[in-house]
Amino acid sequence: MATALSGVTPTWMVPIEPQFHTIITQAESQKKNYALMSGSTPIYQWQLKWEALTDVKFWTLQQHYNSCYGGYDYFALKCVPSYIDANHDGTADGADVTVRYIAGSFRFDPLPHNWRVEVTIEERVT
């Protein structure tokens, strides 16, 4: 597991619909068969957005993404906003969560005095 990410709290952490990885196939009776590959555990994802990231924090985030080899290595996200239900018990808590980056989702836009950054992460399934 890579080093934890802290000190770069996102402006927005937007939850994405949980994924259950259902495979749909047709049977001989021409009816659909459903197979749930992930069991009862959904895969939770969030889109992180930073509206005005300083140069230092941008390069910290970029280096962290590179040290995780993009979407390969999991890490502890320690800068979760307080409105996020990280442990999925129905109460917003902003607790630390173990996640990984989604490969190809790191997007950034340089502005005159700061950076606008977006990246998508997914929670580790245990």
C-alpha atoms as a PDB file:
ATOM      1  CA  MET A   1       0.000   0.000   0.000  1.00  0.00           C
ATOM      2  CA  ALA A   2       1.304   3.453  -0.928  1.00  0.00           C
ATOM      3  CA  THR A   3       1.702   6.341   1.479  1.00  0.00           C
ATOM      4  CA  ALA A   4      -1.430   8.088   2.738  1.00  0.00           C
ATOM      5  CA  LEU A   5      -2.781  11.188   1.048  1.00  0.00           C
ATOM      6  CA  SER A   6      -3.418  14.050   3.463  1.00  0.00           C
ATOM      7  CA  GLY A   7      -3.260  17.831   3.419  1.00  0.00           C
ATOM      8  CA  VAL A   8      -4.978  18.242   0.054  1.00  0.00           C
ATOM      9  CA  THR A   9      -8.655  18.172   1.039  1.00  0.00           C
ATOM     10  CA  PRO A  10     -10.779  18.311  -2.116  1.00  0.00           C
ATOM     11  CA  THR A  11     -13.212  21.167  -2.703  1.00  0.00           C
ATOM     12  CA  TRP A  12     -15.829  18.567  -3.644  1.00  0.00           C
ATOM     13  CA  MET A  13     -16.024  14.810  -3.130  1.00  0.00           C
ATOM     14  CA  VAL A  14     -18.946  13.619  -5.229  1.00  0.00           C
ATOM     15  CA  PRO A  15     -20.279  10.074  -4.656  1.00  0.00           C
ATOM     16  CA  ILE A  16     -20.860   7.997  -7.798  1.00  0.00           C
ATOM     17  CA  GLU A  17     -23.532   5.312  -8.013  1.00  0.00           C
ATOM     18  CA  PRO A  18     -22.257   2.047  -6.435  1.00  0.00           C
ATOM     19  CA  GLN A  19     -21.372  -0.703  -8.919  1.00  0.00           C
ATOM     20  CA  PHE A  20     -22.466  -4.298  -8.404  1.00  0.00           C
ATOM     21  CA  HIS A  21     -20.966  -5.909 -11.556  1.00  0.00           C
ATOM     22  CA  THR A  22     -24.042  -7.762 -12.741  1.00  0.00           C
ATOM     23  CA  ILE A  23     -23.588  -9.858 -15.881  1.00  0.00           C
ATOM     24  CA  ILE A  24     -26.693 -10.302 -18.039  1.00  0.00           C
ATOM     25  CA  THR A  25     -26.875 -13.214 -20.484  1.00  0.00           C
ATOM     26  CA  GLN A  26     -29.656 -14.811 -22.490  1.00  0.00           C
ATOM     27  CA  ALA A  27     -30.844 -18.324 -21.757  1.00  0.00           C
ATOM     28  CA  GLU A  28     -32.284 -20.833 -24.201  1.00  0.00           C
ATOM     29  CA  SER A  29     -35.765 -19.736 -23.163  1.00  0.00           C
ATOM     30  CA  GLN A  30     -34.915 -16.226 -24.483  1.00  0.00           C
ATOM     31  CA  LYS A  31     -35.191 -14.827 -20.977  1.00  0.00           C
ATOM     32  CA  LYS A  32     -32.369 -12.942 -19.339  1.00  0.00           C
ATOM     33  CA  ASN A  33     -30.146 -14.573 -16.726  1.00  0.00           C
ATOM     34  CA  TYR A  34     -28.488 -12.319 -14.156  1.00  0.00           C
ATOM     35  CA  ALA A  35     -25.246 -13.188 -12.384  1.00  0.00           C
ATOM     36  CA  LEU A  36     -24.005 -10.927  -9.600  1.00  0.00           C
ATOM     37  CA  MET A  37     -20.203 -11.176  -9.731  1.00  0.00           C
ATOM     38  CA  SER A  38     -19.439  -8.882  -6.776  1.00  0.00           C
ATOM     39  CA  GLY A  39     -21.632 -10.700  -4.268  1.00  0.00           C
ATOM     40  CA  SER A  40     -23.389  -8.364  -1.850  1.00  0.00           C
ATOM     41  CA  THR A  41     -20.458  -5.919  -1.686  1.00  0.00           C
ATOM     42  CA  PRO A  42     -20.821  -2.894  -3.964  1.00  0.00           C
ATOM     43  CA  ILE A  43     -17.845  -0.960  -5.289  1.00  0.00           C
ATOM     44  CA  TYR A  44     -18.028   2.631  -4.043  1.00  0.00           C
ATOM     45  CA  GLN A  45     -16.504   5.411  -6.126  1.00  0.00           C
ATOM     46  CA  TRP A  46     -16.065   9.166  -5.669  1.00  0.00           C
ATOM     47  CA  GLN A  47     -15.006  11.986  -7.947  1.00  0.00           C
ATOM     48  CA  LEU A  48     -12.609  14.365  -6.206  1.00  0.00           C
ATOM     49  CA  LYS A  49     -12.524  17.976  -7.409  1.00  0.00           C
ATOM     50  CA  TRP A  50     -10.149  20.758  -6.434  1.00  0.00           C
ATOM     51  CA  GLU A  51     -11.144  24.234  -7.668  1.00  0.00           C
ATOM     52  CA  ALA A  52      -8.079  26.288  -6.666  1.00  0.00           C
ATOM     53  CA  LEU A  53      -5.108  24.083  -5.837  1.00  0.00           C
ATOM     54  CA  THR A  54      -1.788  25.832  -5.203  1.00  0.00           C
ATOM     55  CA  ASP A  55       1.330  24.842  -7.135  1.00  0.00           C
ATOM     56  CA  VAL A  56       2.819  23.030  -4.137  1.00  0.00           C
ATOM     57  CA  LYS A  57      -0.346  21.032  -3.427  1.00  0.00           C
ATOM     58  CA  PHE A  58      -0.804  20.239  -7.119  1.00  0.00           C
ATOM     59  CA  TRP A  59       2.698  18.794  -7.379  1.00  0.00           C
ATOM     60  CA  THR A  60       2.135  16.876  -4.127  1.00  0.00           C
ATOM     61  CA  LEU A  61      -1.014  15.341  -5.620  1.00  0.00           C
ATOM     62  CA  GLN A  62       0.691  14.639  -8.967  1.00  0.00           C
ATOM     63  CA  GLN A  63       3.622  12.953  -7.217  1.00  0.00           C
ATOM     64  CA  HIS A  64       1.237  10.868  -5.104  1.00  0.00           C
ATOM     65  CA  TYR A  65      -0.634   9.732  -8.232  1.00  0.00           C
ATOM     66  CA  ASN A  66       2.691   8.764  -9.822  1.00  0.00           C
ATOM     67  CA  SER A  67       3.874   6.929  -6.688  1.00  0.00           C
ATOM     68  CA  CYS A  68       0.678   4.842  -6.790  1.00  0.00           C
ATOM     69  CA  TYR A  69       1.425   3.966 -10.434  1.00  0.00           C
ATOM     70  CA  GLY A  70      -1.885   5.532 -11.453  1.00  0.00           C
ATOM     71  CA  GLY A  71      -4.620   3.062 -10.558  1.00  0.00           C
ATOM     72  CA  TYR A  72      -2.385   0.247  -9.313  1.00  0.00           C
ATOM     73  CA  ASP A  73      -1.674   0.817  -5.610  1.00  0.00           C
ATOM     74  CA  TYR A  74      -4.142   1.418  -2.765  1.00  0.00           C
ATOM     75  CA  PHE A  75      -3.613   4.217  -0.240  1.00  0.00           C
ATOM     76  CA  ALA A  76      -5.323   5.733   2.798  1.00  0.00           C
ATOM     77  CA  LEU A  77      -7.300   8.890   2.002  1.00  0.00           C
ATOM     78  CA  LYS A  78      -7.061  10.970   5.179  1.00  0.00           C
ATOM     79  CA  CYS A  79      -8.578  14.224   3.885  1.00  0.00           C
ATOM     80  CA  VAL A  80     -12.190  13.049   3.474  1.00  0.00           C
ATOM     81  CA  PRO A  81     -14.722  15.910   3.837  1.00  0.00           C
ATOM     82  CA  SER A  82     -17.074  15.629   6.818  1.00  0.00           C
ATOM     83  CA  TYR A  83     -20.211  15.296   4.616  1.00  0.00           C
ATOM     84  CA  ILE A  84     -19.087  11.897   3.236  1.00  0.00           C
ATOM     85  CA  ASP A  85     -20.328   8.623   4.752  1.00  0.00           C
ATOM     86  CA  ALA A  86     -17.047   6.740   4.430  1.00  0.00           C
ATOM     87  CA  ASN A  87     -18.044   3.652   6.441  1.00  0.00           C
ATOM     88  CA  HIS A  88     -21.526   3.342   4.811  1.00  0.00           C
ATOM     89  CA  ASP A  89     -23.545   3.258   8.023  1.00  0.00           C
ATOM     90  CA  GLY A  90     -25.970   6.023   6.982  1.00  0.00           C
ATOM     91  CA  THR A  91     -24.247   8.832   8.919  1.00  0.00           C
ATOM     92  CA  ALA A  92     -21.848  11.365   7.404  1.00  0.00           C
ATOM     93  CA  ASP A  93     -18.557  10.970   9.256  1.00  0.00           C
ATOM     94  CA  GLY A  94     -15.603  11.893   7.014  1.00  0.00           C
ATOM     95  CA  ALA A  95     -13.614   8.893   8.255  1.00  0.00           C
ATOM     96  CA  ASP A  96     -10.403   7.728   6.569  1.00  0.00           C
ATOM     97  CA  VAL A  97     -10.929   5.287   3.714  1.00  0.00           C
ATOM     98  CA  THR A  98      -8.607   2.987   1.736  1.00  0.00           C
ATOM     99  CA  VAL A  99      -8.913   3.746  -1.982  1.00  0.00           C
ATOM    100  CA  ARG A 100      -7.109   3.632  -5.309  1.00  0.00           C
ATOM    101  CA  TYR A 101      -7.132   5.981  -8.280  1.00  0.00           C
ATOM    102  CA  ILE A 102      -9.102   4.980 -11.364  1.00  0.00           C
ATOM    103  CA  ALA A 103      -6.559   4.795 -14.186  1.00  0.00           C
ATOM    104  CA  GLY A 104      -6.997   7.551 -16.750  1.00  0.00           C
ATOM    105  CA  SER A 105      -9.185   9.750 -14.554  1.00  0.00           C
ATOM    106  CA  PHE A 106      -6.530  12.265 -13.409  1.00  0.00           C
ATOM    107  CA  ARG A 107      -7.371  15.513 -15.222  1.00  0.00           C
ATOM    108  CA  PHE A 108      -5.955  18.945 -14.513  1.00  0.00           C
ATOM    109  CA  ASP A 109      -6.245  22.433 -15.926  1.00  0.00           C
ATOM    110  CA  PRO A 110      -3.623  25.128 -15.176  1.00  0.00           C
ATOM    111  CA  LEU A 111      -5.107  28.517 -14.326  1.00  0.00           C
ATOM    112  CA  PRO A 112      -3.214  31.827 -13.937  1.00  0.00           C
ATOM    113  CA  HIS A 113      -2.624  31.458 -10.171  1.00  0.00           C
ATOM    114  CA  ASN A 114      -3.697  27.888  -9.310  1.00  0.00           C
ATOM    115  CA  TRP A 115      -4.833  24.526 -10.689  1.00  0.00           C
ATOM    116  CA  ARG A 116      -8.206  22.877 -11.258  1.00  0.00           C
ATOM    117  CA  VAL A 117      -7.922  19.103 -10.760  1.00  0.00           C
ATOM    118  CA  GLU A 118     -10.326  16.156 -10.990  1.00  0.00           C
ATOM    119  CA  VAL A 119      -9.666  12.495 -10.258  1.00  0.00           C
ATOM    120  CA  THR A 120     -11.893   9.488  -9.614  1.00  0.00           C
ATOM    121  CA  ILE A 121     -11.150   7.006  -6.827  1.00  0.00           C
ATOM    122  CA  GLU A 122     -12.721   3.734  -5.708  1.00  0.00           C
ATOM    123  CA  GLU A 123     -12.854   2.108  -2.306  1.00  0.00           C
ATOM    124  CA  ARG A 124     -10.977  -1.099  -1.619  1.00  0.00           C
ATOM    125  CA  VAL A 125     -13.308  -4.098  -1.462  1.00  0.00           C
ATOM    126  CA  THR A 126     -12.529  -6.292   1.526  1.00  0.00           C
END
